[in-house]
C-alpha atoms as a PDB file:
ATOM      1  CA  UNK A   1       8.287 -63.892 -44.144  1.00  0.00           C
ATOM      2  CA  UNK A   2       7.796 -60.193 -44.781  1.00  0.00           C
ATOM      3  CA  UNK A   3      11.548 -59.733 -45.106  1.00  0.00           C
ATOM      4  CA  UNK A   4      11.689 -62.359 -47.866  1.00  0.00           C
ATOM      5  CA  UNK A   5       8.886 -60.690 -49.797  1.00  0.00           C
ATOM      6  CA  UNK A   6      10.603 -57.299 -49.479  1.00  0.00           C
ATOM      7  CA  UNK A   7      13.901 -58.770 -50.657  1.00  0.00           C
ATOM      8  CA  UNK A   8      12.083 -60.411 -53.556  1.00  0.00           C
ATOM      9  CA  UNK A   9      10.578 -57.085 -54.651  1.00  0.00           C
ATOM     10  CA  UNK A  10      13.970 -55.385 -54.419  1.00  0.00           C
ATOM     11  CA  UNK A  11      15.711 -58.147 -56.402  1.00  0.00           C
ATOM     12  CA  UNK A  12      13.082 -58.151 -59.162  1.00  0.00           C
ATOM     13  CA  UNK A  13      13.303 -54.355 -59.289  1.00  0.00           C
ATOM     14  CA  UNK A  14      17.080 -54.485 -59.629  1.00  0.00           C
ATOM     15  CA  UNK A  15      16.741 -57.027 -62.468  1.00  0.00           C
ATOM     16  CA  UNK A  16      14.275 -54.724 -64.267  1.00  0.00           C
ATOM     17  CA  UNK A  17      16.653 -51.782 -63.851  1.00  0.00           C
ATOM     18  CA  UNK A  18      19.607 -53.811 -65.151  1.00  0.00           C
ATOM     19  CA  UNK A  19      17.630 -54.935 -68.187  1.00  0.00           C
ATOM     20  CA  UNK A  20      16.625 -51.317 -68.801  1.00  0.00           C
ATOM     21  CA  UNK A  21      20.301 -50.323 -68.754  1.00  0.00           C
ATOM     22  CA  UNK A  22      21.023 -53.075 -71.237  1.00  0.00           C
ATOM     23  CA  UNK A  23      18.211 -51.725 -73.428  1.00  0.00           C
ATOM     24  CA  UNK A  24      19.756 -48.255 -73.339  1.00  0.00           C
ATOM     25  CA  UNK A  25      22.942 -49.716 -74.768  1.00  0.00           C
ATOM     26  CA  UNK A  26      21.526 -52.209 -77.257  1.00  0.00           C
ATOM     27  CA  UNK A  27      18.434 -50.610 -78.775  1.00  0.00           C
ATOM     28  CA  UNK A  28      18.822 -48.752 -82.087  1.00  0.00           C
ATOM     29  CA  UNK A  29      17.112 -45.355 -81.781  1.00  0.00           C
ATOM     30  CA  UNK A  30      16.053 -42.729 -79.278  1.00  0.00           C
ATOM     31  CA  UNK A  31      12.438 -43.916 -79.181  1.00  0.00           C
ATOM     32  CA  UNK A  32      13.261 -47.534 -78.382  1.00  0.00           C
ATOM     33  CA  UNK A  33      15.838 -46.475 -75.809  1.00  0.00           C
ATOM     34  CA  UNK A  34      13.352 -44.126 -74.213  1.00  0.00           C
ATOM     35  CA  UNK A  35      10.810 -46.925 -73.984  1.00  0.00           C
ATOM     36  CA  UNK A  36      13.344 -49.244 -72.338  1.00  0.00           C
ATOM     37  CA  UNK A  37      14.389 -46.565 -69.856  1.00  0.00           C
ATOM     38  CA  UNK A  38      10.807 -45.687 -68.980  1.00  0.00           C
ATOM     39  CA  UNK A  39       9.751 -49.288 -68.432  1.00  0.00           C
ATOM     40  CA  UNK A  40      12.749 -50.030 -66.262  1.00  0.00           C
ATOM     41  CA  UNK A  41      12.328 -46.912 -64.136  1.00  0.00           C
ATOM     42  CA  UNK A  42       8.594 -47.318 -63.755  1.00  0.00           C
ATOM     43  CA  UNK A  43       8.615 -51.028 -62.988  1.00  0.00           C
ATOM     44  CA  UNK A  44      12.060 -51.570 -61.528  1.00  0.00           C
ATOM     45  CA  UNK A  45      12.503 -48.539 -59.350  1.00  0.00           C
ATOM     46  CA  UNK A  46       8.910 -48.636 -58.123  1.00  0.00           C
ATOM     47  CA  UNK A  47       9.373 -52.281 -57.147  1.00  0.00           C
ATOM     48  CA  UNK A  48      12.570 -51.431 -55.271  1.00  0.00           C
ATOM     49  CA  UNK A  49      10.821 -48.613 -53.434  1.00  0.00           C
ATOM     50  CA  UNK A  50       7.832 -50.831 -52.664  1.00  0.00           C
ATOM     51  CA  UNK A  51      10.207 -53.467 -51.283  1.00  0.00           C
ATOM     52  CA  UNK A  52      11.720 -50.795 -49.053  1.00  0.00           C
ATOM     53  CA  UNK A  53       8.222 -49.848 -47.924  1.00  0.00           C
ATOM     54  CA  UNK A  54       7.491 -53.488 -47.078  1.00  0.00           C
ATOM     55  CA  UNK A  55      10.728 -53.718 -45.113  1.00  0.00           C
ATOM     56  CA  UNK A  56      10.305 -50.517 -43.088  1.00  0.00           C
ATOM     57  CA  UNK A  57       6.509 -50.459 -42.877  1.00  0.00           C
ATOM     58  CA  UNK A  58       4.642 -47.336 -41.876  1.00  0.00           C
ATOM     59  CA  UNK A  59       7.702 -45.509 -40.561  1.00  0.00           C
ATOM     60  CA  UNK A  60       9.030 -42.256 -41.959  1.00  0.00           C
ATOM     61  CA  UNK A  61      11.391 -44.142 -44.303  1.00  0.00           C
ATOM     62  CA  UNK A  62       8.672 -46.480 -45.534  1.00  0.00           C
ATOM     63  CA  UNK A  63       6.184 -43.691 -46.197  1.00  0.00           C
ATOM     64  CA  UNK A  64       8.847 -41.682 -48.056  1.00  0.00           C
ATOM     65  CA  UNK A  65       9.635 -44.701 -50.231  1.00  0.00           C
ATOM     66  CA  UNK A  66       5.936 -45.164 -51.027  1.00  0.00           C
ATOM     67  CA  UNK A  67       5.508 -41.467 -51.875  1.00  0.00           C
ATOM     68  CA  UNK A  68       8.577 -41.580 -54.132  1.00  0.00           C
ATOM     69  CA  UNK A  69       7.215 -44.689 -55.889  1.00  0.00           C
ATOM     70  CA  UNK A  70       3.891 -42.952 -56.545  1.00  0.00           C
ATOM     71  CA  UNK A  71       5.693 -39.854 -57.817  1.00  0.00           C
ATOM     72  CA  UNK A  72       7.789 -41.936 -60.227  1.00  0.00           C
ATOM     73  CA  UNK A  73       4.720 -43.896 -61.314  1.00  0.00           C
ATOM     74  CA  UNK A  74       2.960 -40.693 -62.392  1.00  0.00           C
ATOM     75  CA  UNK A  75       5.858 -38.611 -63.727  1.00  0.00           C
ATOM     76  CA  UNK A  76       8.042 -41.098 -65.591  1.00  0.00           C
ATOM     77  CA  UNK A  77       5.557 -41.997 -68.369  1.00  0.00           C
ATOM     78  CA  UNK A  78       4.573 -38.344 -68.749  1.00  0.00           C
ATOM     79  CA  UNK A  79       8.188 -37.246 -69.102  1.00  0.00           C
ATOM     80  CA  UNK A  80       8.896 -40.032 -71.593  1.00  0.00           C
ATOM     81  CA  UNK A  81       5.915 -38.976 -73.691  1.00  0.00           C
ATOM     82  CA  UNK A  82       7.113 -35.373 -73.715  1.00  0.00           C
ATOM     83  CA  UNK A  83      10.651 -36.410 -74.665  1.00  0.00           C
ATOM     84  CA  UNK A  84       9.457 -38.709 -77.449  1.00  0.00           C
ATOM     85  CA  UNK A  85       7.131 -36.067 -78.883  1.00  0.00           C
ATOM     86  CA  UNK A  86       9.863 -33.429 -78.680  1.00  0.00           C
ATOM     87  CA  UNK A  87      12.304 -35.759 -80.412  1.00  0.00           C
ATOM     88  CA  UNK A  88       9.796 -36.418 -83.181  1.00  0.00           C
ATOM     89  CA  UNK A  89       9.038 -32.739 -83.679  1.00  0.00           C
ATOM     90  CA  UNK A  90      12.789 -31.958 -83.700  1.00  0.00           C
ATOM     91  CA  UNK A  91      13.266 -34.407 -86.539  1.00  0.00           C
ATOM     92  CA  UNK A  92      14.963 -37.399 -84.957  1.00  0.00           C
ATOM     93  CA  UNK A  93      14.442 -40.214 -87.422  1.00  0.00           C
ATOM     94  CA  UNK A  94      13.004 -43.559 -86.465  1.00  0.00           C
ATOM     95  CA  UNK A  95      15.087 -46.673 -86.887  1.00  0.00           C
ATOM     96  CA  UNK A  96      14.880 -47.968 -90.472  1.00  0.00           C
ATOM     97  CA  UNK A  97      13.356 -51.204 -89.170  1.00  0.00           C
ATOM     98  CA  UNK A  98      10.408 -49.390 -87.598  1.00  0.00           C
ATOM     99  CA  UNK A  99       7.091 -50.564 -88.966  1.00  0.00           C
ATOM    100  CA  UNK A 100       4.924 -47.461 -88.575  1.00  0.00           C
ATOM    101  CA  UNK A 101       4.909 -43.865 -87.441  1.00  0.00           C
ATOM    102  CA  UNK A 102       1.432 -42.994 -86.183  1.00  0.00           C
ATOM    103  CA  UNK A 103       2.329 -39.411 -85.291  1.00  0.00           C
ATOM    104  CA  UNK A 104       3.535 -38.743 -88.834  1.00  0.00           C
ATOM    105  CA  UNK A 105       0.380 -40.374 -90.230  1.00  0.00           C
ATOM    106  CA  UNK A 106      -1.781 -38.127 -88.043  1.00  0.00           C
ATOM    107  CA  UNK A 107       0.151 -35.045 -89.188  1.00  0.00           C
ATOM    108  CA  UNK A 108      -0.293 -35.950 -92.851  1.00  0.00           C
ATOM    109  CA  UNK A 109      -4.053 -36.442 -92.315  1.00  0.00           C
ATOM    110  CA  UNK A 110      -4.264 -32.985 -90.699  1.00  0.00           C
ATOM    111  CA  UNK A 111      -2.376 -31.431 -93.609  1.00  0.00           C
ATOM    112  CA  UNK A 112      -4.790 -33.008 -96.092  1.00  0.00           C
ATOM    113  CA  UNK A 113      -7.777 -31.790 -94.066  1.00  0.00           C
ATOM    114  CA  UNK A 114      -9.208 -35.199 -93.245  1.00  0.00           C
END
């Protein structure tokens, strides 16, 4: 039973990662692509690593997989935030279909002294 659950986690993780790769190809701008990559890494890869942990249990391989999953869980969103903010500051334009730009709105409020 445990093997089936572990395989299920790994398969769902692989599907998330594949959809994230598809998002990297299909989405229009750096911000949308970054969001797709971050979601797929955080959800997909962590699910794969958790499935490995379920398969191996509390052995050295299982503990390493769990530690790697926790590391990815904490660092991936932080890195994506830094990349998105750096892209915005560097002047990468949003896709023309984007509805709003909250960071630009906040900057214009600061410039006006609000």
